[in-house]
Amino acid sequence: MENSSILDFTSPGSIPLESSEIVKQVNLEIRISIQTLENILVTDPMETTCWKLLGGLYLGANLTNKFNKLTQQYQNFFGKPLFPEFEEKNRAEEQLLFRMPSNIVPELLPNTTEVEQACNSRKKVTIDFSDVKESSAEGLSTLAAFFLSLAKVSNKPEIIDINHFILNLEKKAIASNKVNSVWDVLFAYKRLCDDVKGFDNLALKFAIQYSISPPSWI
């Protein structure tokens, strides 16, 4: 039996249609299917399968405006996305996560330029401090500079699981009898958070403890 590289799905003896004719037929069937599904949803909006089929046809027919309107209507009606897998993919593409190392040392911290560029883009940036357990003086100095740089970006990052780390630094700062990089981190973090009141309270503690002029917000 002779092999053929072309599969023929037509009926035996039929004359194959031109590709353009097939496309026309498919487009016609899609339009008919769209109209049918739209009519069903008018009378039976609880038929979720119709919503998904209609959304798929809108995408296939490049009817973007109708697709967007449909997904919004579905969200409003059912309180959840029509295609949750699309939502998850989009969220994943729009988010960037930077994890702080367990030991805060200069060579292990995220690259400041990369984080700044991410913050100045449309992506949601998250900095995770959940793994942090210790730090060096040099690492804290670098972290303070890191915070000050991020305080200037247009889209501030979300910083998670940092409270325990900051509380420990505050305890170390109060217990120390000399000015050190711990204070630099605390003041820089207040700037990053736009926390003027917190900055002023910290400056007051600094002034009382060392009897010198504290850093100024301005």
N, C-alpha and C. Protein backbone atom coordinates (compact mmCIF):
# COMPACT_ATOMS: atom_id res chain seq x y z
N MET A 1 0.85 -1.20 0.00
CA MET A 1 0.00 0.00 0.00
C MET A 1 0.88 1.24 0.00
N GLU A 2 0.60 2.14 -0.89
CA GLU A 2 1.43 3.33 -1.04
C GLU A 2 1.13 4.33 0.06
N ASN A 3 2.20 4.81 0.74
CA ASN A 3 2.03 5.80 1.80
C ASN A 3 1.83 7.19 1.21
N SER A 4 1.11 8.01 1.91
CA SER A 4 0.90 9.39 1.47
C SER A 4 1.21 10.32 2.61
N SER A 5 1.88 11.44 2.33
CA SER A 5 2.22 12.41 3.36
C SER A 5 1.05 13.32 3.67
N ILE A 6 -0.02 13.22 2.85
CA ILE A 6 -1.18 14.08 3.04
C ILE A 6 -2.36 13.23 3.50
N LEU A 7 -2.93 13.55 4.63
CA LEU A 7 -4.09 12.83 5.13
C LEU A 7 -5.35 13.38 4.48
N ASP A 8 -6.18 12.50 3.97
CA ASP A 8 -7.42 12.91 3.31
C ASP A 8 -8.60 12.50 4.18
N PHE A 9 -9.27 13.49 4.78
CA PHE A 9 -10.40 13.21 5.65
C PHE A 9 -11.74 13.36 4.92
N THR A 10 -11.70 13.57 3.62
CA THR A 10 -12.95 13.73 2.88
C THR A 10 -13.60 12.38 2.63
N SER A 11 -14.86 12.41 2.29
CA SER A 11 -15.57 11.17 1.99
C SER A 11 -15.01 10.53 0.74
N PRO A 12 -15.04 9.19 0.64
CA PRO A 12 -14.52 8.51 -0.57
C PRO A 12 -15.19 9.03 -1.82
N GLY A 13 -14.38 9.38 -2.78
CA GLY A 13 -14.90 9.83 -4.06
C GLY A 13 -15.24 11.29 -4.12
N SER A 14 -15.17 12.00 -2.98
CA SER A 14 -15.53 13.42 -2.99
C SER A 14 -14.37 14.26 -3.48
N ILE A 15 -14.68 15.43 -3.96
CA ILE A 15 -13.65 16.35 -4.44
C ILE A 15 -13.27 17.27 -3.29
N PRO A 16 -11.98 17.27 -2.87
CA PRO A 16 -11.57 18.11 -1.74
C PRO A 16 -11.87 19.58 -2.00
N LEU A 17 -12.35 20.25 -0.97
CA LEU A 17 -12.62 21.68 -1.08
C LEU A 17 -11.33 22.48 -0.99
N GLU A 18 -11.34 23.64 -1.58
CA GLU A 18 -10.21 24.55 -1.42
C GLU A 18 -10.15 25.02 0.03
N SER A 19 -8.94 25.30 0.49
CA SER A 19 -8.76 25.74 1.88
C SER A 19 -9.60 26.97 2.18
N SER A 20 -9.66 27.90 1.24
CA SER A 20 -10.42 29.13 1.47
C SER A 20 -11.90 28.84 1.66
N GLU A 21 -12.41 27.83 0.94
CA GLU A 21 -13.82 27.47 1.08
C GLU A 21 -14.08 26.84 2.45
N ILE A 22 -13.12 26.02 2.89
CA ILE A 22 -13.26 25.39 4.20
C ILE A 22 -13.28 26.45 5.30
N VAL A 23 -12.38 27.43 5.18
CA VAL A 23 -12.31 28.50 6.18
C VAL A 23 -13.61 29.28 6.21
N LYS A 24 -14.18 29.55 5.03
CA LYS A 24 -15.45 30.27 4.97
C LYS A 24 -16.55 29.49 5.69
N GLN A 25 -16.58 28.17 5.45
CA GLN A 25 -17.59 27.34 6.09
C GLN A 25 -17.43 27.35 7.61
N VAL A 26 -16.18 27.23 8.06
CA VAL A 26 -15.91 27.22 9.50
C VAL A 26 -16.32 28.55 10.12
N ASN A 27 -15.96 29.65 9.47
CA ASN A 27 -16.33 30.98 10.00
C ASN A 27 -17.84 31.14 10.10
N LEU A 28 -18.55 30.62 9.09
CA LEU A 28 -20.01 30.68 9.11
C LEU A 28 -20.56 29.87 10.28
N GLU A 29 -20.00 28.68 10.47
CA GLU A 29 -20.46 27.83 11.58
C GLU A 29 -20.15 28.47 12.93
N ILE A 30 -19.01 29.15 13.02
CA ILE A 30 -18.65 29.84 14.27
C ILE A 30 -19.65 30.96 14.56
N ARG A 31 -19.98 31.74 13.52
CA ARG A 31 -20.94 32.84 13.72
C ARG A 31 -22.30 32.30 14.17
N ILE A 32 -22.71 31.19 13.54
CA ILE A 32 -23.99 30.58 13.92
C ILE A 32 -23.94 30.08 15.37
N SER A 33 -22.81 29.45 15.72
CA SER A 33 -22.65 28.93 17.08
C SER A 33 -22.64 30.05 18.11
N ILE A 34 -21.96 31.15 17.76
CA ILE A 34 -21.92 32.31 18.67
C ILE A 34 -23.33 32.85 18.91
N GLN A 35 -24.08 33.00 17.83
CA GLN A 35 -25.45 33.52 17.96
C GLN A 35 -26.31 32.58 18.80
N THR A 36 -26.13 31.27 18.58
CA THR A 36 -26.90 30.28 19.34
C THR A 36 -26.59 30.35 20.83
N LEU A 37 -25.29 30.41 21.16
CA LEU A 37 -24.88 30.47 22.57
C LEU A 37 -25.32 31.77 23.23
N GLU A 38 -25.24 32.87 22.48
CA GLU A 38 -25.70 34.16 23.03
C GLU A 38 -27.18 34.10 23.37
N ASN A 39 -27.96 33.46 22.50
CA ASN A 39 -29.41 33.34 22.74
C ASN A 39 -29.69 32.46 23.96
N ILE A 40 -28.90 31.40 24.12
CA ILE A 40 -29.09 30.52 25.27
C ILE A 40 -28.83 31.27 26.57
N LEU A 41 -27.77 32.08 26.59
CA LEU A 41 -27.42 32.80 27.82
C LEU A 41 -28.45 33.87 28.19
N VAL A 42 -29.16 34.37 27.18
CA VAL A 42 -30.22 35.35 27.48
C VAL A 42 -31.33 34.70 28.29
N THR A 43 -31.65 33.45 27.94
CA THR A 43 -32.75 32.75 28.62
C THR A 43 -32.28 31.89 29.79
N ASP A 44 -31.02 31.45 29.75
CA ASP A 44 -30.52 30.57 30.82
C ASP A 44 -29.08 30.95 31.19
N PRO A 45 -28.92 32.06 31.91
CA PRO A 45 -27.57 32.53 32.25
C PRO A 45 -26.82 31.62 33.22
N MET A 46 -27.50 30.65 33.84
CA MET A 46 -26.83 29.76 34.78
C MET A 46 -26.09 28.63 34.08
N GLU A 47 -26.24 28.53 32.77
CA GLU A 47 -25.58 27.47 32.01
C GLU A 47 -24.10 27.84 31.81
N THR A 48 -23.27 27.46 32.78
CA THR A 48 -21.86 27.89 32.78
C THR A 48 -21.08 27.36 31.58
N THR A 49 -21.45 26.18 31.09
CA THR A 49 -20.74 25.63 29.93
C THR A 49 -20.86 26.55 28.73
N CYS A 50 -22.03 27.15 28.56
CA CYS A 50 -22.24 28.08 27.44
C CYS A 50 -21.33 29.29 27.55
N TRP A 51 -21.14 29.79 28.77
CA TRP A 51 -20.25 30.93 28.96
C TRP A 51 -18.84 30.59 28.47
N LYS A 52 -18.35 29.42 28.86
CA LYS A 52 -16.99 29.04 28.49
C LYS A 52 -16.86 28.79 26.99
N LEU A 53 -17.85 28.11 26.42
CA LEU A 53 -17.82 27.87 24.97
C LEU A 53 -17.86 29.19 24.20
N LEU A 54 -18.73 30.09 24.65
CA LEU A 54 -18.85 31.38 23.97
C LEU A 54 -17.55 32.18 24.10
N GLY A 55 -16.95 32.14 25.29
CA GLY A 55 -15.68 32.83 25.47
C GLY A 55 -14.60 32.29 24.56
N GLY A 56 -14.55 30.96 24.42
CA GLY A 56 -13.57 30.35 23.53
C GLY A 56 -13.79 30.73 22.08
N LEU A 57 -15.05 30.79 21.67
CA LEU A 57 -15.36 31.19 20.29
C LEU A 57 -15.02 32.65 20.05
N TYR A 58 -15.30 33.51 21.03
CA TYR A 58 -14.93 34.92 20.89
C TYR A 58 -13.43 35.06 20.67
N LEU A 59 -12.66 34.32 21.45
CA LEU A 59 -11.20 34.38 21.30
C LEU A 59 -10.78 33.88 19.93
N GLY A 60 -11.35 32.75 19.52
CA GLY A 60 -10.99 32.17 18.23
C GLY A 60 -11.35 33.07 17.06
N ALA A 61 -12.43 33.82 17.21
CA ALA A 61 -12.88 34.73 16.15
C ALA A 61 -12.26 36.12 16.29
N ASN A 62 -11.37 36.27 17.26
CA ASN A 62 -10.68 37.55 17.51
C ASN A 62 -11.65 38.67 17.88
N LEU A 63 -12.71 38.30 18.58
CA LEU A 63 -13.69 39.30 19.05
C LEU A 63 -13.30 39.71 20.47
N THR A 64 -12.22 40.46 20.57
CA THR A 64 -11.63 40.78 21.88
C THR A 64 -12.57 41.58 22.76
N ASN A 65 -13.22 42.58 22.19
CA ASN A 65 -14.12 43.41 23.00
C ASN A 65 -15.27 42.60 23.58
N LYS A 66 -15.82 41.71 22.75
CA LYS A 66 -16.91 40.87 23.23
C LYS A 66 -16.41 39.91 24.31
N PHE A 67 -15.20 39.39 24.12
CA PHE A 67 -14.63 38.47 25.11
C PHE A 67 -14.44 39.18 26.45
N ASN A 68 -13.88 40.39 26.40
CA ASN A 68 -13.66 41.15 27.64
C ASN A 68 -14.97 41.46 28.34
N LYS A 69 -15.98 41.83 27.55
CA LYS A 69 -17.30 42.13 28.13
C LYS A 69 -17.90 40.88 28.77
N LEU A 70 -17.75 39.75 28.08
CA LEU A 70 -18.29 38.49 28.59
C LEU A 70 -17.62 38.09 29.90
N THR A 71 -16.30 38.19 29.96
CA THR A 71 -15.59 37.79 31.18
C THR A 71 -15.96 38.69 32.35
N GLN A 72 -16.19 39.98 32.07
CA GLN A 72 -16.60 40.90 33.13
C GLN A 72 -18.01 40.58 33.62
N GLN A 73 -18.90 40.27 32.67
CA GLN A 73 -20.27 39.89 33.05
C GLN A 73 -20.27 38.62 33.89
N TYR A 74 -19.44 37.66 33.51
CA TYR A 74 -19.35 36.40 34.26
C TYR A 74 -18.84 36.66 35.67
N GLN A 75 -17.80 37.51 35.77
CA GLN A 75 -17.23 37.85 37.08
C GLN A 75 -18.30 38.51 37.97
N ASN A 76 -19.06 39.42 37.39
CA ASN A 76 -20.10 40.11 38.16
C ASN A 76 -21.24 39.16 38.57
N PHE A 77 -21.55 38.23 37.68
CA PHE A 77 -22.69 37.33 37.91
C PHE A 77 -22.35 36.21 38.89
N PHE A 78 -21.17 35.60 38.71
CA PHE A 78 -20.80 34.43 39.53
C PHE A 78 -19.77 34.73 40.61
N GLY A 79 -19.16 35.92 40.55
CA GLY A 79 -18.17 36.28 41.56
C GLY A 79 -16.85 35.56 41.42
N LYS A 80 -16.55 35.07 40.24
CA LYS A 80 -15.27 34.39 39.99
C LYS A 80 -14.93 34.52 38.51
N PRO A 81 -13.65 34.35 38.14
CA PRO A 81 -13.27 34.53 36.74
C PRO A 81 -13.80 33.42 35.84
N LEU A 82 -14.06 33.76 34.60
CA LEU A 82 -14.54 32.78 33.62
C LEU A 82 -13.46 31.75 33.31
N PHE A 83 -12.24 32.23 33.13
CA PHE A 83 -11.10 31.34 32.87
C PHE A 83 -10.05 31.57 33.95
N PRO A 84 -10.16 30.93 35.12
CA PRO A 84 -9.23 31.18 36.22
C PRO A 84 -7.78 30.87 35.87
N GLU A 85 -7.58 29.93 34.94
CA GLU A 85 -6.20 29.60 34.55
C GLU A 85 -5.53 30.78 33.86
N PHE A 86 -6.31 31.59 33.12
CA PHE A 86 -5.76 32.80 32.51
C PHE A 86 -5.38 33.81 33.57
N GLU A 87 -6.27 33.96 34.57
CA GLU A 87 -6.02 34.92 35.65
C GLU A 87 -4.74 34.57 36.39
N GLU A 88 -4.56 33.28 36.71
CA GLU A 88 -3.38 32.85 37.45
C GLU A 88 -2.12 33.08 36.63
N LYS A 89 -2.19 32.79 35.33
CA LYS A 89 -1.03 32.98 34.47
C LYS A 89 -0.66 34.45 34.38
N ASN A 90 -1.67 35.31 34.23
CA ASN A 90 -1.41 36.75 34.14
C ASN A 90 -0.82 37.29 35.43
N ARG A 91 -1.35 36.82 36.58
CA ARG A 91 -0.82 37.27 37.86
C ARG A 91 0.63 36.84 38.04
N ALA A 92 0.91 35.61 37.62
CA ALA A 92 2.28 35.10 37.76
C ALA A 92 3.24 35.92 36.90
N GLU A 93 2.80 36.31 35.69
CA GLU A 93 3.64 37.09 34.80
C GLU A 93 3.84 38.51 35.31
N GLU A 94 2.88 39.02 36.07
CA GLU A 94 2.94 40.40 36.53
C GLU A 94 3.60 40.55 37.89
N GLN A 95 3.99 39.43 38.51
CA GLN A 95 4.58 39.49 39.84
C GLN A 95 6.04 39.07 39.82
N LEU A 96 6.82 39.71 40.66
CA LEU A 96 8.22 39.32 40.84
C LEU A 96 8.49 39.21 42.34
N LEU A 97 9.10 38.11 42.73
CA LEU A 97 9.40 37.88 44.14
C LEU A 97 10.90 37.86 44.35
N PHE A 98 11.36 38.67 45.29
CA PHE A 98 12.77 38.67 45.69
C PHE A 98 12.85 38.18 47.13
N ARG A 99 13.57 37.10 47.34
CA ARG A 99 13.73 36.54 48.69
C ARG A 99 15.02 37.03 49.32
N MET A 100 14.91 37.55 50.52
CA MET A 100 16.09 37.93 51.26
C MET A 100 16.78 36.68 51.81
N PRO A 101 18.11 36.68 51.83
CA PRO A 101 18.83 35.49 52.31
C PRO A 101 18.68 35.32 53.82
N SER A 102 18.99 34.13 54.31
CA SER A 102 18.91 33.88 55.75
C SER A 102 19.93 34.72 56.51
N ASN A 103 21.04 35.02 55.85
CA ASN A 103 22.08 35.86 56.45
C ASN A 103 22.23 37.13 55.62
N ILE A 104 21.95 38.27 56.22
CA ILE A 104 22.06 39.55 55.50
C ILE A 104 23.52 39.95 55.38
N VAL A 105 24.11 39.62 54.24
CA VAL A 105 25.48 40.03 53.91
C VAL A 105 25.45 40.63 52.51
N PRO A 106 26.36 41.56 52.19
CA PRO A 106 26.29 42.29 50.92
C PRO A 106 26.18 41.40 49.69
N GLU A 107 26.98 40.33 49.64
CA GLU A 107 27.03 39.52 48.42
C GLU A 107 25.79 38.66 48.19
N LEU A 108 24.93 38.54 49.18
CA LEU A 108 23.74 37.69 49.04
C LEU A 108 22.45 38.48 48.84
N LEU A 109 22.52 39.79 49.00
CA LEU A 109 21.31 40.61 48.85
C LEU A 109 20.90 40.72 47.38
N PRO A 110 19.61 40.91 47.10
CA PRO A 110 19.17 41.09 45.71
C PRO A 110 19.86 42.28 45.06
N ASN A 111 20.05 42.19 43.75
CA ASN A 111 20.67 43.28 43.01
C ASN A 111 19.75 44.51 43.02
N THR A 112 20.28 45.61 43.54
CA THR A 112 19.46 46.82 43.70
C THR A 112 18.89 47.31 42.37
N THR A 113 19.72 47.31 41.32
CA THR A 113 19.27 47.80 40.02
C THR A 113 18.13 46.95 39.47
N GLU A 114 18.24 45.63 39.62
CA GLU A 114 17.18 44.74 39.13
C GLU A 114 15.86 45.00 39.86
N VAL A 115 15.94 45.19 41.16
CA VAL A 115 14.72 45.43 41.94
C VAL A 115 14.13 46.79 41.57
N GLU A 116 14.98 47.80 41.40
CA GLU A 116 14.49 49.14 41.01
C GLU A 116 13.79 49.08 39.66
N GLN A 117 14.40 48.39 38.69
CA GLN A 117 13.80 48.28 37.36
C GLN A 117 12.45 47.56 37.42
N ALA A 118 12.39 46.53 38.24
CA ALA A 118 11.12 45.80 38.39
C ALA A 118 10.06 46.70 39.01
N CYS A 119 10.45 47.49 40.00
CA CYS A 119 9.50 48.39 40.67
C CYS A 119 9.01 49.49 39.73
N ASN A 120 9.86 49.93 38.84
CA ASN A 120 9.50 50.99 37.91
C ASN A 120 8.74 50.47 36.69
N SER A 121 8.60 49.14 36.60
CA SER A 121 7.79 48.55 35.54
C SER A 121 6.36 48.39 36.06
N ARG A 122 5.54 47.67 35.32
CA ARG A 122 4.15 47.48 35.74
C ARG A 122 3.99 46.25 36.62
N LYS A 123 5.08 45.58 36.90
CA LYS A 123 5.00 44.35 37.69
C LYS A 123 4.81 44.65 39.18
N LYS A 124 4.16 43.73 39.86
CA LYS A 124 4.04 43.83 41.31
C LYS A 124 5.27 43.16 41.92
N VAL A 125 6.00 43.90 42.72
CA VAL A 125 7.25 43.40 43.30
C VAL A 125 7.03 43.10 44.79
N THR A 126 7.45 41.92 45.19
CA THR A 126 7.36 41.51 46.59
C THR A 126 8.76 41.14 47.09
N ILE A 127 9.11 41.65 48.26
CA ILE A 127 10.39 41.31 48.89
C ILE A 127 10.07 40.54 50.16
N ASP A 128 10.57 39.31 50.23
CA ASP A 128 10.22 38.39 51.31
C ASP A 128 11.37 38.26 52.31
N PHE A 129 11.09 38.61 53.57
CA PHE A 129 12.09 38.54 54.64
C PHE A 129 11.91 37.30 55.54
N SER A 130 11.07 36.37 55.13
CA SER A 130 10.71 35.26 56.02
C SER A 130 11.89 34.34 56.36
N ASP A 131 12.92 34.32 55.51
CA ASP A 131 14.06 33.42 55.76
C ASP A 131 15.17 34.06 56.58
N VAL A 132 15.08 35.37 56.84
CA VAL A 132 16.18 36.09 57.50
C VAL A 132 16.33 35.66 58.96
N LYS A 133 17.56 35.30 59.32
CA LYS A 133 17.84 34.87 60.69
C LYS A 133 18.99 35.64 61.33
N GLU A 134 19.91 36.15 60.52
CA GLU A 134 21.06 36.86 61.07
C GLU A 134 21.55 37.90 60.07
N SER A 135 22.48 38.74 60.52
CA SER A 135 23.00 39.80 59.65
C SER A 135 24.38 40.22 60.11
N SER A 136 25.14 40.77 59.16
CA SER A 136 26.45 41.34 59.48
C SER A 136 26.35 42.85 59.43
N ALA A 137 27.33 43.54 60.01
CA ALA A 137 27.33 45.01 59.98
C ALA A 137 27.39 45.52 58.55
N GLU A 138 28.23 44.87 57.73
CA GLU A 138 28.34 45.27 56.32
C GLU A 138 27.02 45.01 55.58
N GLY A 139 26.40 43.89 55.92
CA GLY A 139 25.12 43.58 55.28
C GLY A 139 24.04 44.58 55.63
N LEU A 140 24.02 45.03 56.88
CA LEU A 140 23.03 46.03 57.29
C LEU A 140 23.27 47.37 56.60
N SER A 141 24.53 47.74 56.43
CA SER A 141 24.85 48.99 55.71
C SER A 141 24.35 48.91 54.27
N THR A 142 24.57 47.75 53.64
CA THR A 142 24.11 47.56 52.27
C THR A 142 22.58 47.55 52.22
N LEU A 143 21.95 46.94 53.21
CA LEU A 143 20.48 46.89 53.26
C LEU A 143 19.89 48.29 53.43
N ALA A 144 20.54 49.12 54.24
CA ALA A 144 20.07 50.51 54.42
C ALA A 144 20.10 51.26 53.09
N ALA A 145 21.20 51.10 52.35
CA ALA A 145 21.31 51.74 51.04
C ALA A 145 20.26 51.19 50.07
N PHE A 146 20.00 49.90 50.18
CA PHE A 146 18.99 49.22 49.36
C PHE A 146 17.60 49.83 49.61
N PHE A 147 17.26 50.00 50.88
CA PHE A 147 15.97 50.60 51.24
C PHE A 147 15.87 52.04 50.74
N LEU A 148 16.94 52.81 50.89
CA LEU A 148 16.92 54.21 50.46
C LEU A 148 16.73 54.32 48.95
N SER A 149 17.33 53.40 48.19
CA SER A 149 17.15 53.40 46.74
C SER A 149 15.71 53.10 46.37
N LEU A 150 15.12 52.12 47.05
CA LEU A 150 13.74 51.73 46.74
C LEU A 150 12.74 52.79 47.18
N ALA A 151 13.13 53.63 48.13
CA ALA A 151 12.23 54.71 48.58
C ALA A 151 11.97 55.72 47.46
N LYS A 152 12.82 55.71 46.42
CA LYS A 152 12.71 56.68 45.34
C LYS A 152 11.96 56.15 44.12
N VAL A 153 11.63 54.86 44.09
CA VAL A 153 11.00 54.29 42.90
C VAL A 153 9.54 54.71 42.82
N SER A 154 8.98 54.62 41.61
CA SER A 154 7.60 55.07 41.40
C SER A 154 6.58 54.10 41.97
N ASN A 155 6.91 52.83 41.98
CA ASN A 155 5.98 51.80 42.46
C ASN A 155 6.65 51.03 43.59
N LYS A 156 6.31 51.36 44.82
CA LYS A 156 6.98 50.76 45.97
C LYS A 156 6.70 49.26 46.05
N PRO A 157 7.69 48.47 46.43
CA PRO A 157 7.48 47.02 46.57
C PRO A 157 6.67 46.69 47.81
N GLU A 158 6.06 45.52 47.80
CA GLU A 158 5.42 45.00 49.01
C GLU A 158 6.47 44.20 49.77
N ILE A 159 6.63 44.51 51.04
CA ILE A 159 7.62 43.81 51.86
C ILE A 159 6.88 42.95 52.88
N ILE A 160 7.14 41.65 52.84
CA ILE A 160 6.39 40.73 53.71
C ILE A 160 7.31 40.06 54.73
N ASP A 161 6.72 39.71 55.85
CA ASP A 161 7.41 38.99 56.94
C ASP A 161 8.68 39.71 57.41
N ILE A 162 8.61 41.04 57.51
CA ILE A 162 9.77 41.81 57.94
C ILE A 162 9.62 42.32 59.38
N ASN A 163 8.42 42.26 59.94
CA ASN A 163 8.18 42.85 61.26
C ASN A 163 9.10 42.28 62.34
N HIS A 164 9.26 40.97 62.36
CA HIS A 164 10.11 40.34 63.38
C HIS A 164 11.55 40.82 63.24
N PHE A 165 12.01 40.93 62.00
CA PHE A 165 13.38 41.40 61.74
C PHE A 165 13.56 42.83 62.23
N ILE A 166 12.60 43.71 61.94
CA ILE A 166 12.68 45.11 62.35
C ILE A 166 12.62 45.24 63.87
N LEU A 167 11.75 44.48 64.51
CA LEU A 167 11.66 44.53 65.97
C LEU A 167 12.97 44.12 66.63
N ASN A 168 13.61 43.11 66.09
CA ASN A 168 14.92 42.69 66.63
C ASN A 168 15.97 43.78 66.45
N LEU A 169 15.93 44.46 65.30
CA LEU A 169 16.88 45.56 65.07
C LEU A 169 16.62 46.70 66.05
N GLU A 170 15.36 47.00 66.30
CA GLU A 170 15.04 48.08 67.25
C GLU A 170 15.56 47.75 68.65
N LYS A 171 15.44 46.49 69.06
CA LYS A 171 15.96 46.08 70.36
C LYS A 171 17.48 46.22 70.41
N LYS A 172 18.14 45.83 69.32
CA LYS A 172 19.60 45.96 69.26
C LYS A 172 20.02 47.42 69.30
N ALA A 173 19.27 48.27 68.59
CA ALA A 173 19.61 49.69 68.54
C ALA A 173 19.50 50.33 69.92
N ILE A 174 18.43 50.03 70.64
CA ILE A 174 18.23 50.61 71.98
C ILE A 174 19.26 50.08 72.97
N ALA A 175 19.67 48.82 72.78
CA ALA A 175 20.63 48.21 73.71
C ALA A 175 22.07 48.63 73.46
N SER A 176 22.33 49.21 72.29
CA SER A 176 23.71 49.56 71.94
C SER A 176 24.07 50.94 72.50
N ASN A 177 25.32 51.09 72.88
CA ASN A 177 25.78 52.38 73.41
C ASN A 177 26.52 53.20 72.36
N LYS A 178 26.42 52.77 71.11
CA LYS A 178 27.07 53.54 70.05
C LYS A 178 26.21 53.51 68.79
N VAL A 179 26.37 54.54 67.99
CA VAL A 179 25.64 54.62 66.73
C VAL A 179 26.20 53.57 65.77
N ASN A 180 25.32 52.80 65.15
CA ASN A 180 25.79 51.77 64.22
C ASN A 180 24.83 51.62 63.05
N SER A 181 25.13 50.66 62.17
CA SER A 181 24.36 50.48 60.95
C SER A 181 22.93 50.02 61.20
N VAL A 182 22.65 49.52 62.41
CA VAL A 182 21.28 49.13 62.73
C VAL A 182 20.35 50.33 62.61
N TRP A 183 20.78 51.47 63.14
CA TRP A 183 19.98 52.69 63.05
C TRP A 183 19.77 53.11 61.60
N ASP A 184 20.80 52.94 60.77
CA ASP A 184 20.67 53.30 59.35
C ASP A 184 19.55 52.51 58.69
N VAL A 185 19.49 51.22 59.00
CA VAL A 185 18.44 50.37 58.42
C VAL A 185 17.06 50.82 58.90
N LEU A 186 16.95 51.09 60.19
CA LEU A 186 15.65 51.49 60.75
C LEU A 186 15.14 52.79 60.13
N PHE A 187 16.02 53.78 60.03
CA PHE A 187 15.61 55.06 59.42
C PHE A 187 15.29 54.88 57.93
N ALA A 188 16.10 54.09 57.24
CA ALA A 188 15.86 53.87 55.81
C ALA A 188 14.54 53.13 55.57
N TYR A 189 14.23 52.20 56.45
CA TYR A 189 12.98 51.45 56.31
C TYR A 189 11.77 52.36 56.53
N LYS A 190 11.87 53.28 57.48
CA LYS A 190 10.78 54.23 57.69
C LYS A 190 10.57 55.09 56.45
N ARG A 191 11.65 55.48 55.79
CA ARG A 191 11.53 56.26 54.55
C ARG A 191 10.86 55.43 53.46
N LEU A 192 11.28 54.17 53.36
CA LEU A 192 10.69 53.30 52.34
C LEU A 192 9.19 53.15 52.54
N CYS A 193 8.77 53.11 53.79
CA CYS A 193 7.34 52.96 54.12
C CYS A 193 6.60 54.29 54.14
N ASP A 194 7.31 55.40 53.85
CA ASP A 194 6.70 56.74 53.94
C ASP A 194 6.09 56.99 55.31
N ASP A 195 6.75 56.47 56.33
CA ASP A 195 6.24 56.56 57.70
C ASP A 195 6.92 57.73 58.43
N VAL A 196 6.41 58.93 58.19
CA VAL A 196 7.01 60.13 58.79
C VAL A 196 6.90 60.10 60.31
N LYS A 197 5.74 59.72 60.81
CA LYS A 197 5.54 59.68 62.27
C LYS A 197 6.48 58.67 62.91
N GLY A 198 6.59 57.49 62.30
CA GLY A 198 7.50 56.48 62.82
C GLY A 198 8.94 56.94 62.78
N PHE A 199 9.30 57.67 61.71
CA PHE A 199 10.65 58.21 61.58
C PHE A 199 10.93 59.20 62.71
N ASP A 200 9.97 60.09 62.96
CA ASP A 200 10.16 61.10 64.01
C ASP A 200 10.27 60.46 65.40
N ASN A 201 9.46 59.44 65.65
CA ASN A 201 9.55 58.74 66.94
C ASN A 201 10.90 58.06 67.11
N LEU A 202 11.39 57.48 66.01
CA LEU A 202 12.70 56.84 66.05
C LEU A 202 13.80 57.87 66.26
N ALA A 203 13.66 59.03 65.61
CA ALA A 203 14.64 60.10 65.75
C ALA A 203 14.68 60.62 67.19
N LEU A 204 13.52 60.67 67.85
CA LEU A 204 13.46 61.11 69.25
C LEU A 204 14.21 60.13 70.16
N LYS A 205 14.00 58.84 69.93
CA LYS A 205 14.72 57.82 70.71
C LYS A 205 16.23 57.94 70.48
N PHE A 206 16.60 58.19 69.23
CA PHE A 206 18.00 58.34 68.88
C PHE A 206 18.62 59.53 69.62
N ALA A 207 17.91 60.66 69.60
CA ALA A 207 18.42 61.88 70.24
C ALA A 207 18.56 61.70 71.75
N ILE A 208 17.58 61.07 72.38
CA ILE A 208 17.63 60.84 73.83
C ILE A 208 18.78 59.90 74.19
N GLN A 209 18.95 58.87 73.38
CA GLN A 209 19.95 57.85 73.70
C GLN A 209 21.38 58.37 73.53
N TYR A 210 21.62 59.19 72.50
CA TYR A 210 22.99 59.59 72.20
C TYR A 210 23.27 61.07 72.46
N SER A 211 22.23 61.83 72.81
CA SER A 211 22.38 63.27 73.08
C SER A 211 23.02 64.01 71.92
N ILE A 212 22.66 63.59 70.71
CA ILE A 212 23.14 64.28 69.50
C ILE A 212 21.94 64.50 68.58
N SER A 213 22.12 65.39 67.62
CA SER A 213 21.03 65.67 66.68
C SER A 213 20.71 64.42 65.86
N PRO A 214 19.45 64.04 65.78
CA PRO A 214 19.08 62.85 65.02
C PRO A 214 18.96 63.15 63.53
N PRO A 215 18.88 62.13 62.70
CA PRO A 215 18.62 62.35 61.27
C PRO A 215 17.29 63.06 61.07
N SER A 216 17.19 63.84 60.01
CA SER A 216 15.96 64.57 59.71
C SER A 216 15.27 63.97 58.49
N TRP A 217 13.95 63.97 58.52
CA TRP A 217 13.19 63.43 57.39
C TRP A 217 13.45 64.23 56.12
N ILE A 218 13.58 65.53 56.26
CA ILE A 218 13.77 66.41 55.10
C ILE A 218 15.22 66.35 54.64
